[in-house]
Amino acid sequence: LESEWRVLDQFHRTCVESVGNQSLHVQNCPGFVGLLTVPGRAETVAYLQSAEESLRCAGFCHFWASPLFTSGQALAGKRCASELGAEVGHAGALAALPTAFSGLVLLVVGAGLAGYENL
C-alpha cells in the first residue's frame, strides 16, 4: 500500500506542477485513469481513497502527508496506517470480549459441575 501511495503522490506532484493548480485532487489529474491500468492498482487506489475519505487521514506510513483525494479533510499528522490499525484493534476487541466472557461462563459452570458427585 505504501509503494502504491508513493506512486500516486509522485503522479499528483507532477500533475500539480504541470497544471499549476495546487488544489487539484489526484483523481482529477489528466492521465489518472491511465495510471489505473496497471493490474491490481485500481483496487489499491480505491482502498487508499476510501481510507483517506472515511478515516480522514493522509499518506499511509508517513506522518504529515498531503491528502491526495480530499481537500484538507485529513486531520494534521494522521497517517492512514495508524488509523487502519486502530480500526482493526477495535474489531479485535469486539470479537475478543464475547469470547472471553463465554470462556469465563464455561469455567464457572465447569467448576460448579466438578463439585457434584456421581456425574
PDB file of N, CA and C in Angstrom:
ATOM      1  N   LEU A   1       0.813  -1.198   0.000  1.00  0.00           N
ATOM      2  CA  LEU A   1       0.000   0.000   0.000  1.00  0.00           C
ATOM      3  C   LEU A   1       0.858   1.264   0.000  1.00  0.00           C
ATOM      4  N   GLU A   2       1.935   1.212   0.769  1.00  0.00           N
ATOM      5  CA  GLU A   2       2.822   2.385   0.827  1.00  0.00           C
ATOM      6  C   GLU A   2       3.441   2.669  -0.532  1.00  0.00           C
ATOM      7  N   SER A   3       3.893   1.637  -1.231  1.00  0.00           N
ATOM      8  CA  SER A   3       4.533   1.870  -2.534  1.00  0.00           C
ATOM      9  C   SER A   3       3.528   2.413  -3.544  1.00  0.00           C
ATOM     10  N   GLU A   4       2.296   1.937  -3.501  1.00  0.00           N
ATOM     11  CA  GLU A   4       1.271   2.473  -4.405  1.00  0.00           C
ATOM     12  C   GLU A   4       0.935   3.911  -4.035  1.00  0.00           C
ATOM     13  N   TRP A   5       0.906   4.208  -2.736  1.00  0.00           N
ATOM     14  CA  TRP A   5       0.633   5.575  -2.322  1.00  0.00           C
ATOM     15  C   TRP A   5       1.736   6.503  -2.830  1.00  0.00           C
ATOM     16  N   ARG A   6       2.990   6.040  -2.783  1.00  0.00           N
ATOM     17  CA  ARG A   6       4.110   6.861  -3.273  1.00  0.00           C
ATOM     18  C   ARG A   6       3.998   7.127  -4.770  1.00  0.00           C
ATOM     19  N   VAL A   7       3.564   6.102  -5.532  1.00  0.00           N
ATOM     20  CA  VAL A   7       3.357   6.294  -6.971  1.00  0.00           C
ATOM     21  C   VAL A   7       2.290   7.365  -7.190  1.00  0.00           C
ATOM     22  N   LEU A   8       1.200   7.289  -6.458  1.00  0.00           N
ATOM     23  CA  LEU A   8       0.130   8.292  -6.580  1.00  0.00           C
ATOM     24  C   LEU A   8       0.616   9.675  -6.161  1.00  0.00           C
ATOM     25  N   ASP A   9       1.374   9.741  -5.087  1.00  0.00           N
ATOM     26  CA  ASP A   9       1.870  11.023  -4.604  1.00  0.00           C
ATOM     27  C   ASP A   9       2.782  11.678  -5.636  1.00  0.00           C
ATOM     28  N   GLN A  10       3.683  10.905  -6.229  1.00  0.00           N
ATOM     29  CA  GLN A  10       4.581  11.453  -7.253  1.00  0.00           C
ATOM     30  C   GLN A  10       3.793  11.893  -8.486  1.00  0.00           C
ATOM     31  N   PHE A  11       2.813  11.082  -8.883  1.00  0.00           N
ATOM     32  CA  PHE A  11       1.963  11.439 -10.012  1.00  0.00           C
ATOM     33  C   PHE A  11       1.222  12.744  -9.716  1.00  0.00           C
ATOM     34  N   HIS A  12       0.708  12.868  -8.502  1.00  0.00           N
ATOM     35  CA  HIS A  12      -0.033  14.070  -8.102  1.00  0.00           C
ATOM     36  C   HIS A  12       0.880  15.297  -8.091  1.00  0.00           C
ATOM     37  N   ARG A  13       2.077  15.146  -7.556  1.00  0.00           N
ATOM     38  CA  ARG A  13       3.023  16.281  -7.526  1.00  0.00           C
ATOM     39  C   ARG A  13       3.358  16.752  -8.941  1.00  0.00           C
ATOM     40  N   THR A  14       3.615  15.808  -9.840  1.00  0.00           N
ATOM     41  CA  THR A  14       3.923  16.144 -11.231  1.00  0.00           C
ATOM     42  C   THR A  14       2.731  16.831 -11.882  1.00  0.00           C
ATOM     43  N   CYS A  15       1.542  16.321 -11.623  1.00  0.00           N
ATOM     44  CA  CYS A  15       0.315  16.896 -12.190  1.00  0.00           C
ATOM     45  C   CYS A  15       0.108  18.325 -11.706  1.00  0.00           C
ATOM     46  N   VAL A  16       0.246  18.538 -10.402  1.00  0.00           N
ATOM     47  CA  VAL A  16       0.028  19.873  -9.826  1.00  0.00           C
ATOM     48  C   VAL A  16       1.025  20.872 -10.408  1.00  0.00           C
ATOM     49  N   GLU A  17       2.276  20.446 -10.581  1.00  0.00           N
ATOM     50  CA  GLU A  17       3.291  21.332 -11.162  1.00  0.00           C
ATOM     51  C   GLU A  17       2.981  21.665 -12.612  1.00  0.00           C
ATOM     52  N   SER A  18       2.534  20.675 -13.382  1.00  0.00           N
ATOM     53  CA  SER A  18       2.284  20.925 -14.806  1.00  0.00           C
ATOM     54  C   SER A  18       0.994  21.702 -15.035  1.00  0.00           C
ATOM     55  N   VAL A  19      -0.018  21.442 -14.243  1.00  0.00           N
ATOM     56  CA  VAL A  19      -1.303  22.130 -14.403  1.00  0.00           C
ATOM     57  C   VAL A  19      -1.273  23.491 -13.713  1.00  0.00           C
ATOM     58  N   GLY A  20      -0.544  23.579 -12.604  1.00  0.00           N
ATOM     59  CA  GLY A  20      -0.450  24.843 -11.879  1.00  0.00           C
ATOM     60  C   GLY A  20      -1.612  25.078 -10.937  1.00  0.00           C
ATOM     61  N   ASN A  21      -2.279  24.016 -10.517  1.00  0.00           N
ATOM     62  CA  ASN A  21      -3.426  24.138  -9.617  1.00  0.00           C
ATOM     63  C   ASN A  21      -3.126  23.326  -8.361  1.00  0.00           C
ATOM     64  N   GLN A  22      -2.781  23.992  -7.274  1.00  0.00           N
ATOM     65  CA  GLN A  22      -2.397  23.317  -6.032  1.00  0.00           C
ATOM     66  C   GLN A  22      -3.547  22.551  -5.379  1.00  0.00           C
ATOM     67  N   SER A  23      -4.786  22.935  -5.662  1.00  0.00           N
ATOM     68  CA  SER A  23      -5.931  22.286  -5.015  1.00  0.00           C
ATOM     69  C   SER A  23      -6.506  21.132  -5.835  1.00  0.00           C
ATOM     70  N   LEU A  24      -5.838  20.757  -6.898  1.00  0.00           N
ATOM     71  CA  LEU A  24      -6.318  19.674  -7.761  1.00  0.00           C
ATOM     72  C   LEU A  24      -6.150  18.326  -7.071  1.00  0.00           C
ATOM     73  N   HIS A  25      -7.230  17.557  -7.029  1.00  0.00           N
ATOM     74  CA  HIS A  25      -7.163  16.204  -6.457  1.00  0.00           C
ATOM     75  C   HIS A  25      -6.551  15.255  -7.474  1.00  0.00           C
ATOM     76  N   VAL A  26      -5.915  14.212  -7.003  1.00  0.00           N
ATOM     77  CA  VAL A  26      -5.217  13.280  -7.888  1.00  0.00           C
ATOM     78  C   VAL A  26      -6.167  12.644  -8.899  1.00  0.00           C
ATOM     79  N   GLN A  27      -7.390  12.345  -8.502  1.00  0.00           N
ATOM     80  CA  GLN A  27      -8.329  11.693  -9.415  1.00  0.00           C
ATOM     81  C   GLN A  27      -8.795  12.625 -10.535  1.00  0.00           C
ATOM     82  N   ASN A  28      -8.544  13.925 -10.396  1.00  0.00           N
ATOM     83  CA  ASN A  28      -8.911  14.889 -11.434  1.00  0.00           C
ATOM     84  C   ASN A  28      -7.735  15.243 -12.343  1.00  0.00           C
ATOM     85  N   CYS A  29      -6.589  14.659 -12.097  1.00  0.00           N
ATOM     86  CA  CYS A  29      -5.409  14.922 -12.925  1.00  0.00           C
ATOM     87  C   CYS A  29      -5.541  14.232 -14.284  1.00  0.00           C
ATOM     88  N   PRO A  30      -5.075  14.892 -15.342  1.00  0.00           N
ATOM     89  CA  PRO A  30      -5.055  14.227 -16.640  1.00  0.00           C
ATOM     90  C   PRO A  30      -4.155  12.990 -16.578  1.00  0.00           C
ATOM     91  N   GLY A  31      -4.624  11.892 -17.101  1.00  0.00           N
ATOM     92  CA  GLY A  31      -3.858  10.662 -17.111  1.00  0.00           C
ATOM     93  C   GLY A  31      -4.095   9.755 -15.922  1.00  0.00           C
ATOM     94  N   PHE A  32      -4.966  10.173 -15.007  1.00  0.00           N
ATOM     95  CA  PHE A  32      -5.218   9.356 -13.816  1.00  0.00           C
ATOM     96  C   PHE A  32      -5.825   8.006 -14.177  1.00  0.00           C
ATOM     97  N   VAL A  33      -6.768   7.997 -15.098  1.00  0.00           N
ATOM     98  CA  VAL A  33      -7.409   6.738 -15.494  1.00  0.00           C
ATOM     99  C   VAL A  33      -6.380   5.800 -16.117  1.00  0.00           C
ATOM    100  N   GLY A  34      -5.460   6.341 -16.897  1.00  0.00           N
ATOM    101  CA  GLY A  34      -4.408   5.524 -17.486  1.00  0.00           C
ATOM    102  C   GLY A  34      -3.480   4.928 -16.437  1.00  0.00           C
ATOM    103  N   LEU A  35      -3.308   5.624 -15.337  1.00  0.00           N
ATOM    104  CA  LEU A  35      -2.480   5.129 -14.240  1.00  0.00           C
ATOM    105  C   LEU A  35      -3.081   3.873 -13.615  1.00  0.00           C
ATOM    106  N   LEU A  36      -4.381   3.742 -13.707  1.00  0.00           N
ATOM    107  CA  LEU A  36      -5.088   2.617 -13.084  1.00  0.00           C
ATOM    108  C   LEU A  36      -5.059   1.345 -13.917  1.00  0.00           C
ATOM    109  N   THR A  37      -4.448   1.381 -15.091  1.00  0.00           N
ATOM    110  CA  THR A  37      -4.432   0.195 -15.955  1.00  0.00           C
ATOM    111  C   THR A  37      -3.437  -0.865 -15.496  1.00  0.00           C
ATOM    112  N   VAL A  38      -2.535  -0.512 -14.584  1.00  0.00           N
ATOM    113  CA  VAL A  38      -1.601  -1.500 -14.031  1.00  0.00           C
ATOM    114  C   VAL A  38      -2.420  -2.509 -13.232  1.00  0.00           C
ATOM    115  N   PRO A  39      -2.219  -3.808 -13.454  1.00  0.00           N
ATOM    116  CA  PRO A  39      -3.022  -4.826 -12.751  1.00  0.00           C
ATOM    117  C   PRO A  39      -2.956  -4.674 -11.226  1.00  0.00           C
ATOM    118  N   GLY A  40      -4.131  -4.644 -10.618  1.00  0.00           N
ATOM    119  CA  GLY A  40      -4.238  -4.528  -9.171  1.00  0.00           C
ATOM    120  C   GLY A  40      -4.215  -3.115  -8.636  1.00  0.00           C
ATOM    121  N   ARG A  41      -3.804  -2.163  -9.448  1.00  0.00           N
ATOM    122  CA  ARG A  41      -3.684  -0.791  -8.953  1.00  0.00           C
ATOM    123  C   ARG A  41      -5.041  -0.139  -8.700  1.00  0.00           C
ATOM    124  N   ALA A  42      -6.026  -0.410  -9.545  1.00  0.00           N
ATOM    125  CA  ALA A  42      -7.338   0.225  -9.372  1.00  0.00           C
ATOM    126  C   ALA A  42      -7.934  -0.123  -8.010  1.00  0.00           C
ATOM    127  N   GLU A  43      -7.785  -1.381  -7.597  1.00  0.00           N
ATOM    128  CA  GLU A  43      -8.324  -1.810  -6.314  1.00  0.00           C
ATOM    129  C   GLU A  43      -7.573  -1.152  -5.158  1.00  0.00           C
ATOM    130  N   THR A  44      -6.250  -1.069  -5.293  1.00  0.00           N
ATOM    131  CA  THR A  44      -5.436  -0.458  -4.249  1.00  0.00           C
ATOM    132  C   THR A  44      -5.746   1.024  -4.130  1.00  0.00           C
ATOM    133  N   VAL A  45      -5.884   1.694  -5.260  1.00  0.00           N
ATOM    134  CA  VAL A  45      -6.205   3.125  -5.251  1.00  0.00           C
ATOM    135  C   VAL A  45      -7.583   3.346  -4.632  1.00  0.00           C
ATOM    136  N   ALA A  46      -8.544   2.501  -4.972  1.00  0.00           N
ATOM    137  CA  ALA A  46      -9.888   2.622  -4.386  1.00  0.00           C
ATOM    138  C   ALA A  46      -9.822   2.443  -2.873  1.00  0.00           C
ATOM    139  N   TYR A  47      -9.006   1.506  -2.412  1.00  0.00           N
ATOM    140  CA  TYR A  47      -8.846   1.264  -0.975  1.00  0.00           C
ATOM    141  C   TYR A  47      -8.216   2.476  -0.292  1.00  0.00           C
ATOM    142  N   LEU A  48      -7.158   3.019  -0.887  1.00  0.00           N
ATOM    143  CA  LEU A  48      -6.499   4.198  -0.318  1.00  0.00           C
ATOM    144  C   LEU A  48      -7.436   5.401  -0.293  1.00  0.00           C
ATOM    145  N   GLN A  49      -8.221   5.563  -1.354  1.00  0.00           N
ATOM    146  CA  GLN A  49      -9.173   6.669  -1.399  1.00  0.00           C
ATOM    147  C   GLN A  49     -10.242   6.504  -0.325  1.00  0.00           C
ATOM    148  N   SER A  50     -10.755   5.305  -0.192  1.00  0.00           N
ATOM    149  CA  SER A  50     -11.767   5.039   0.822  1.00  0.00           C
ATOM    150  C   SER A  50     -11.217   5.300   2.228  1.00  0.00           C
ATOM    151  N   ALA A  51      -9.992   4.857   2.484  1.00  0.00           N
ATOM    152  CA  ALA A  51      -9.377   5.082   3.791  1.00  0.00           C
ATOM    153  C   ALA A  51      -9.206   6.575   4.061  1.00  0.00           C
ATOM    154  N   GLU A  52      -8.718   7.302   3.064  1.00  0.00           N
ATOM    155  CA  GLU A  52      -8.491   8.740   3.248  1.00  0.00           C
ATOM    156  C   GLU A  52      -9.806   9.474   3.509  1.00  0.00           C
ATOM    157  N   GLU A  53     -10.840   9.105   2.794  1.00  0.00           N
ATOM    158  CA  GLU A  53     -12.121   9.791   2.942  1.00  0.00           C
ATOM    159  C   GLU A  53     -12.848   9.405   4.230  1.00  0.00           C
ATOM    160  N   SER A  54     -12.887   8.111   4.552  1.00  0.00           N
ATOM    161  CA  SER A  54     -13.677   7.688   5.707  1.00  0.00           C
ATOM    162  C   SER A  54     -12.941   7.877   7.034  1.00  0.00           C
ATOM    163  N   LEU A  55     -11.626   7.734   7.042  1.00  0.00           N
ATOM    164  CA  LEU A  55     -10.862   7.864   8.282  1.00  0.00           C
ATOM    165  C   LEU A  55     -10.250   9.246   8.459  1.00  0.00           C
ATOM    166  N   ARG A  56     -10.396  10.093   7.456  1.00  0.00           N
ATOM    167  CA  ARG A  56      -9.869  11.459   7.472  1.00  0.00           C
ATOM    168  C   ARG A  56      -8.376  11.458   7.797  1.00  0.00           C
ATOM    169  N   CYS A  57      -7.628  10.674   7.012  1.00  0.00           N
ATOM    170  CA  CYS A  57      -6.186  10.561   7.190  1.00  0.00           C
ATOM    171  C   CYS A  57      -5.507  10.867   5.857  1.00  0.00           C
ATOM    172  N   ALA A  58      -4.201  10.924   5.875  1.00  0.00           N
ATOM    173  CA  ALA A  58      -3.456  11.177   4.636  1.00  0.00           C
ATOM    174  C   ALA A  58      -2.148  10.416   4.684  1.00  0.00           C
ATOM    175  N   GLY A  59      -1.680  10.007   3.521  1.00  0.00           N
ATOM    176  CA  GLY A  59      -0.466   9.221   3.461  1.00  0.00           C
ATOM    177  C   GLY A  59      -0.764   7.807   3.928  1.00  0.00           C
ATOM    178  N   PHE A  60       0.236   6.991   3.978  1.00  0.00           N
ATOM    179  CA  PHE A  60      -0.008   5.666   4.530  1.00  0.00           C
ATOM    180  C   PHE A  60       0.935   5.418   5.702  1.00  0.00           C
ATOM    181  N   CYS A  61       2.218   5.380   5.457  1.00  0.00           N
ATOM    182  CA  CYS A  61       3.173   5.098   6.536  1.00  0.00           C
ATOM    183  C   CYS A  61       3.823   6.354   7.101  1.00  0.00           C
ATOM    184  N   HIS A  62       3.744   7.463   6.401  1.00  0.00           N
ATOM    185  CA  HIS A  62       4.445   8.673   6.827  1.00  0.00           C
ATOM    186  C   HIS A  62       3.472   9.703   7.393  1.00  0.00           C
ATOM    187  N   PHE A  63       3.879  10.314   8.495  1.00  0.00           N
ATOM    188  CA  PHE A  63       3.091  11.393   9.084  1.00  0.00           C
ATOM    189  C   PHE A  63       3.199  12.655   8.225  1.00  0.00           C
ATOM    190  N   TRP A  64       2.223  13.525   8.350  1.00  0.00           N
ATOM    191  CA  TRP A  64       2.208  14.842   7.733  1.00  0.00           C
ATOM    192  C   TRP A  64       2.185  14.813   6.208  1.00  0.00           C
ATOM    193  N   ALA A  65       1.627  13.765   5.630  1.00  0.00           N
ATOM    194  CA  ALA A  65       1.490  13.709   4.174  1.00  0.00           C
ATOM    195  C   ALA A  65       0.313  14.582   3.739  1.00  0.00           C
ATOM    196  N   SER A  66       0.359  15.024   2.504  1.00  0.00           N
ATOM    197  CA  SER A  66      -0.751  15.810   1.957  1.00  0.00           C
ATOM    198  C   SER A  66      -1.833  14.874   1.452  1.00  0.00           C
ATOM    199  N   PRO A  67      -3.101  15.231   1.664  1.00  0.00           N
ATOM    200  CA  PRO A  67      -4.184  14.400   1.133  1.00  0.00           C
ATOM    201  C   PRO A  67      -4.158  14.386  -0.395  1.00  0.00           C
ATOM    202  N   LEU A  68      -4.457  13.251  -0.982  1.00  0.00           N
ATOM    203  CA  LEU A  68      -4.489  13.123  -2.440  1.00  0.00           C
ATOM    204  C   LEU A  68      -5.903  13.227  -2.988  1.00  0.00           C
ATOM    205  N   PHE A  69      -6.875  12.727  -2.261  1.00  0.00           N
ATOM    206  CA  PHE A  69      -8.231  12.601  -2.773  1.00  0.00           C
ATOM    207  C   PHE A  69      -9.208  13.610  -2.184  1.00  0.00           C
ATOM    208  N   THR A  70      -8.849  14.253  -1.082  1.00  0.00           N
ATOM    209  CA  THR A  70      -9.766  15.155  -0.391  1.00  0.00           C
ATOM    210  C   THR A  70      -9.133  16.532  -0.243  1.00  0.00           C
ATOM    211  N   SER A  71      -9.934  17.494   0.131  1.00  0.00           N
ATOM    212  CA  SER A  71      -9.450  18.865   0.301  1.00  0.00           C
ATOM    213  C   SER A  71      -9.290  19.201   1.769  1.00  0.00           C
ATOM    214  N   GLY A  72      -8.149  18.867   2.317  1.00  0.00           N
ATOM    215  CA  GLY A  72      -7.853  19.263   3.685  1.00  0.00           C
ATOM    216  C   GLY A  72      -8.751  18.651   4.733  1.00  0.00           C
ATOM    217  N   GLN A  73      -9.461  17.587   4.406  1.00  0.00           N
ATOM    218  CA  GLN A  73     -10.333  16.959   5.389  1.00  0.00           C
ATOM    219  C   GLN A  73      -9.541  16.102   6.366  1.00  0.00           C
ATOM    220  N   ALA A  74      -8.319  15.763   5.998  1.00  0.00           N
ATOM    221  CA  ALA A  74      -7.490  14.939   6.879  1.00  0.00           C
ATOM    222  C   ALA A  74      -7.035  15.774   8.068  1.00  0.00           C
ATOM    223  N   LEU A  75      -7.023  15.164   9.219  1.00  0.00           N
ATOM    224  CA  LEU A  75      -6.503  15.849  10.384  1.00  0.00           C
ATOM    225  C   LEU A  75      -4.982  15.865  10.295  1.00  0.00           C
ATOM    226  N   ALA A  76      -4.383  16.936  10.727  1.00  0.00           N
ATOM    227  CA  ALA A  76      -2.940  17.108  10.596  1.00  0.00           C
ATOM    228  C   ALA A  76      -2.188  15.966  11.259  1.00  0.00           C
ATOM    229  N   GLY A  77      -1.298  15.338  10.495  1.00  0.00           N
ATOM    230  CA  GLY A  77      -0.429  14.313  11.021  1.00  0.00           C
ATOM    231  C   GLY A  77      -1.008  12.926  11.101  1.00  0.00           C
ATOM    232  N   LYS A  78      -2.288  12.756  10.788  1.00  0.00           N
ATOM    233  CA  LYS A  78      -2.896  11.425  10.869  1.00  0.00           C
ATOM    234  C   LYS A  78      -2.524  10.609   9.648  1.00  0.00           C
ATOM    235  N   ARG A  79      -1.798   9.526   9.848  1.00  0.00           N
ATOM    236  CA  ARG A  79      -1.470   8.638   8.727  1.00  0.00           C
ATOM    237  C   ARG A  79      -2.477   7.497   8.694  1.00  0.00           C
ATOM    238  N   CYS A  80      -2.756   7.015   7.516  1.00  0.00           N
ATOM    239  CA  CYS A  80      -3.797   6.004   7.347  1.00  0.00           C
ATOM    240  C   CYS A  80      -3.434   4.662   7.964  1.00  0.00           C
ATOM    241  N   ALA A  81      -2.161   4.303   7.994  1.00  0.00           N
ATOM    242  CA  ALA A  81      -1.765   3.032   8.599  1.00  0.00           C
ATOM    243  C   ALA A  81      -2.145   3.002  10.081  1.00  0.00           C
ATOM    244  N   SER A  82      -1.936   4.100  10.780  1.00  0.00           N
ATOM    245  CA  SER A  82      -2.294   4.173  12.203  1.00  0.00           C
ATOM    246  C   SER A  82      -3.804   4.091  12.392  1.00  0.00           C
ATOM    247  N   GLU A  83      -4.537   4.788  11.541  1.00  0.00           N
ATOM    248  CA  GLU A  83      -5.990   4.785  11.665  1.00  0.00           C
ATOM    249  C   GLU A  83      -6.576   3.414  11.342  1.00  0.00           C
ATOM    250  N   LEU A  84      -6.034   2.754  10.313  1.00  0.00           N
ATOM    251  CA  LEU A  84      -6.494   1.406   9.984  1.00  0.00           C
ATOM    252  C   LEU A  84      -6.148   0.430  11.100  1.00  0.00           C
ATOM    253  N   GLY A  85      -4.978   0.580  11.698  1.00  0.00           N
ATOM    254  CA  GLY A  85      -4.595  -0.257  12.828  1.00  0.00           C
ATOM    255  C   GLY A  85      -5.543  -0.091  13.998  1.00  0.00           C
ATOM    256  N   ALA A  86      -5.957   1.131  14.253  1.00  0.00           N
ATOM    257  CA  ALA A  86      -6.918   1.378  15.337  1.00  0.00           C
ATOM    258  C   ALA A  86      -8.256   0.718  15.032  1.00  0.00           C
ATOM    259  N   GLU A  87      -8.691   0.787  13.777  1.00  0.00           N
ATOM    260  CA  GLU A  87      -9.950   0.138  13.388  1.00  0.00           C
ATOM    261  C   GLU A  87      -9.870  -1.377  13.572  1.00  0.00           C
ATOM    262  N   VAL A  88      -8.749  -1.977  13.193  1.00  0.00           N
ATOM    263  CA  VAL A  88      -8.570  -3.419  13.364  1.00  0.00           C
ATOM    264  C   VAL A  88      -8.538  -3.759  14.854  1.00  0.00           C
ATOM    265  N   GLY A  89      -7.917  -2.913  15.651  1.00  0.00           N
ATOM    266  CA  GLY A  89      -7.887  -3.124  17.099  1.00  0.00           C
ATOM    267  C   GLY A  89      -9.274  -3.117  17.706  1.00  0.00           C
ATOM    268  N   HIS A  90     -10.122  -2.183  17.251  1.00  0.00           N
ATOM    269  CA  HIS A  90     -11.498  -2.127  17.745  1.00  0.00           C
ATOM    270  C   HIS A  90     -12.267  -3.380  17.345  1.00  0.00           C
ATOM    271  N   ALA A  91     -12.074  -3.822  16.114  1.00  0.00           N
ATOM    272  CA  ALA A  91     -12.758  -5.041  15.653  1.00  0.00           C
ATOM    273  C   ALA A  91     -12.279  -6.249  16.448  1.00  0.00           C
ATOM    274  N   GLY A  92     -10.992  -6.305  16.750  1.00  0.00           N
ATOM    275  CA  GLY A  92     -10.456  -7.397  17.557  1.00  0.00           C
ATOM    276  C   GLY A  92     -11.041  -7.407  18.956  1.00  0.00           C
ATOM    277  N   ALA A  93     -11.187  -6.229  19.531  1.00  0.00           N
ATOM    278  CA  ALA A  93     -11.779  -6.142  20.868  1.00  0.00           C
ATOM    279  C   ALA A  93     -13.239  -6.588  20.849  1.00  0.00           C
ATOM    280  N   LEU A  94     -13.960  -6.212  19.809  1.00  0.00           N
ATOM    281  CA  LEU A  94     -15.358  -6.632  19.708  1.00  0.00           C
ATOM    282  C   LEU A  94     -15.493  -8.148  19.583  1.00  0.00           C
ATOM    283  N   ALA A  95     -14.514  -8.785  18.966  1.00  0.00           N
ATOM    284  CA  ALA A  95     -14.542 -10.245  18.854  1.00  0.00           C
ATOM    285  C   ALA A  95     -14.026 -10.900  20.130  1.00  0.00           C
ATOM    286  N   ALA A  96     -13.059 -10.301  20.793  1.00  0.00           N
ATOM    287  CA  ALA A  96     -12.434 -10.914  21.963  1.00  0.00           C
ATOM    288  C   ALA A  96     -13.317 -10.873  23.206  1.00  0.00           C
ATOM    289  N   LEU A  97     -14.038  -9.790  23.403  1.00  0.00           N
ATOM    290  CA  LEU A  97     -14.827  -9.664  24.625  1.00  0.00           C
ATOM    291  C   LEU A  97     -15.894 -10.746  24.764  1.00  0.00           C
ATOM    292  N   PRO A  98     -16.726 -10.996  23.745  1.00  0.00           N
ATOM    293  CA  PRO A  98     -17.709 -12.079  23.896  1.00  0.00           C
ATOM    294  C   PRO A  98     -17.049 -13.448  24.062  1.00  0.00           C
ATOM    295  N   THR A  99     -15.928 -13.651  23.389  1.00  0.00           N
ATOM    296  CA  THR A  99     -15.214 -14.924  23.511  1.00  0.00           C
ATOM    297  C   THR A  99     -14.689 -15.105  24.930  1.00  0.00           C
ATOM    298  N   ALA A 100     -14.102 -14.091  25.500  1.00  0.00           N
ATOM    299  CA  ALA A 100     -13.591 -14.156  26.863  1.00  0.00           C
ATOM    300  C   ALA A 100     -14.725 -14.364  27.860  1.00  0.00           C
ATOM    301  N   PHE A 101     -15.836 -13.691  27.655  1.00  0.00           N
ATOM    302  CA  PHE A 101     -16.989 -13.849  28.541  1.00  0.00           C
ATOM    303  C   PHE A 101     -17.527 -15.274  28.475  1.00  0.00           C
ATOM    304  N   SER A 102     -17.635 -15.831  27.277  1.00  0.00           N
ATOM    305  CA  SER A 102     -18.104 -17.215  27.121  1.00  0.00           C
ATOM    306  C   SER A 102     -17.156 -18.183  27.818  1.00  0.00           C
ATOM    307  N   GLY A 103     -15.868 -17.947  27.692  1.00  0.00           N
ATOM    308  CA  GLY A 103     -14.891 -18.793  28.372  1.00  0.00           C
ATOM    309  C   GLY A 103     -15.028 -18.725  29.877  1.00  0.00           C
ATOM    310  N   LEU A 104     -15.271 -17.539  30.397  1.00  0.00           N
ATOM    311  CA  LEU A 104     -15.456 -17.363  31.832  1.00  0.00           C
ATOM    312  C   LEU A 104     -16.709 -18.096  32.310  1.00  0.00           C
ATOM    313  N   VAL A 105     -17.788 -17.994  31.568  1.00  0.00           N
ATOM    314  CA  VAL A 105     -19.024 -18.698  31.911  1.00  0.00           C
ATOM    315  C   VAL A 105     -18.784 -20.207  31.918  1.00  0.00           C
ATOM    316  N   LEU A 106     -18.112 -20.715  30.896  1.00  0.00           N
ATOM    317  CA  LEU A 106     -17.828 -22.154  30.854  1.00  0.00           C
ATOM    318  C   LEU A 106     -16.937 -22.587  32.018  1.00  0.00           C
ATOM    319  N   LEU A 107     -16.011 -21.748  32.408  1.00  0.00           N
ATOM    320  CA  LEU A 107     -15.149 -22.052  33.539  1.00  0.00           C
ATOM    321  C   LEU A 107     -15.961 -22.145  34.826  1.00  0.00           C
ATOM    322  N   VAL A 108     -16.844 -21.218  35.037  1.00  0.00           N
ATOM    323  CA  VAL A 108     -17.684 -21.218  36.243  1.00  0.00           C
ATOM    324  C   VAL A 108     -18.608 -22.429  36.243  1.00  0.00           C
ATOM    325  N   VAL A 109     -19.240 -22.713  35.103  1.00  0.00           N
ATOM    326  CA  VAL A 109     -20.122 -23.871  35.008  1.00  0.00           C
ATOM    327  C   VAL A 109     -19.325 -25.158  35.238  1.00  0.00           C
ATOM    328  N   GLY A 110     -18.151 -25.263  34.642  1.00  0.00           N
ATOM    329  CA  GLY A 110     -17.306 -26.445  34.834  1.00  0.00           C
ATOM    330  C   GLY A 110     -16.891 -26.620  36.274  1.00  0.00           C
ATOM    331  N   ALA A 111     -16.522 -25.533  36.926  1.00  0.00           N
ATOM    332  CA  ALA A 111     -16.143 -25.604  38.350  1.00  0.00           C
ATOM    333  C   ALA A 111     -17.321 -26.010  39.201  1.00  0.00           C
ATOM    334  N   GLY A 112     -18.494 -25.519  38.847  1.00  0.00           N
ATOM    335  CA  GLY A 112     -19.700 -25.893  39.591  1.00  0.00           C
ATOM    336  C   GLY A 112     -20.040 -27.349  39.403  1.00  0.00           C
ATOM    337  N   LEU A 113     -19.936 -27.844  38.195  1.00  0.00           N
ATOM    338  CA  LEU A 113     -20.233 -29.257  37.923  1.00  0.00           C
ATOM    339  C   LEU A 113     -19.175 -30.169  38.528  1.00  0.00           C
ATOM    340  N   ALA A 114     -17.964 -29.702  38.672  1.00  0.00           N
ATOM    341  CA  ALA A 114     -16.898 -30.526  39.254  1.00  0.00           C
ATOM    342  C   ALA A 114     -17.188 -30.828  40.719  1.00  0.00           C
ATOM    343  N   GLY A 115     -17.975 -30.030  41.374  1.00  0.00           N
ATOM    344  CA  GLY A 115     -18.318 -30.237  42.773  1.00  0.00           C
ATOM    345  C   GLY A 115     -19.383 -31.292  42.991  1.00  0.00           C
ATOM    346  N   TYR A 116     -20.076 -31.678  41.955  1.00  0.00           N
ATOM    347  CA  TYR A 116     -21.129 -32.698  42.096  1.00  0.00           C
ATOM    348  C   TYR A 116     -20.496 -34.073  42.056  1.00  0.00           C
ATOM    349  N   GLU A 117     -21.039 -34.962  42.884  1.00  0.00           N
ATOM    350  CA  GLU A 117     -20.584 -36.350  42.866  1.00  0.00           C
ATOM    351  C   GLU A 117     -21.505 -37.169  41.973  1.00  0.00           C
ATOM    352  N   ASN A 118     -20.996 -38.258  41.471  1.00  0.00           N
ATOM    353  CA  ASN A 118     -21.747 -39.207  40.645  1.00  0.00           C
ATOM    354  C   ASN A 118     -22.236 -38.614  39.329  1.00  0.00           C
ATOM    355  N   LEU A 119     -21.487 -37.752  38.734  1.00  0.00           N
ATOM    356  CA  LEU A 119     -21.869 -37.221  37.410  1.00  0.00           C
ATOM    357  C   LEU A 119     -21.245 -38.030  36.322  1.00  0.00           C
TER     358      LEU A 119
END
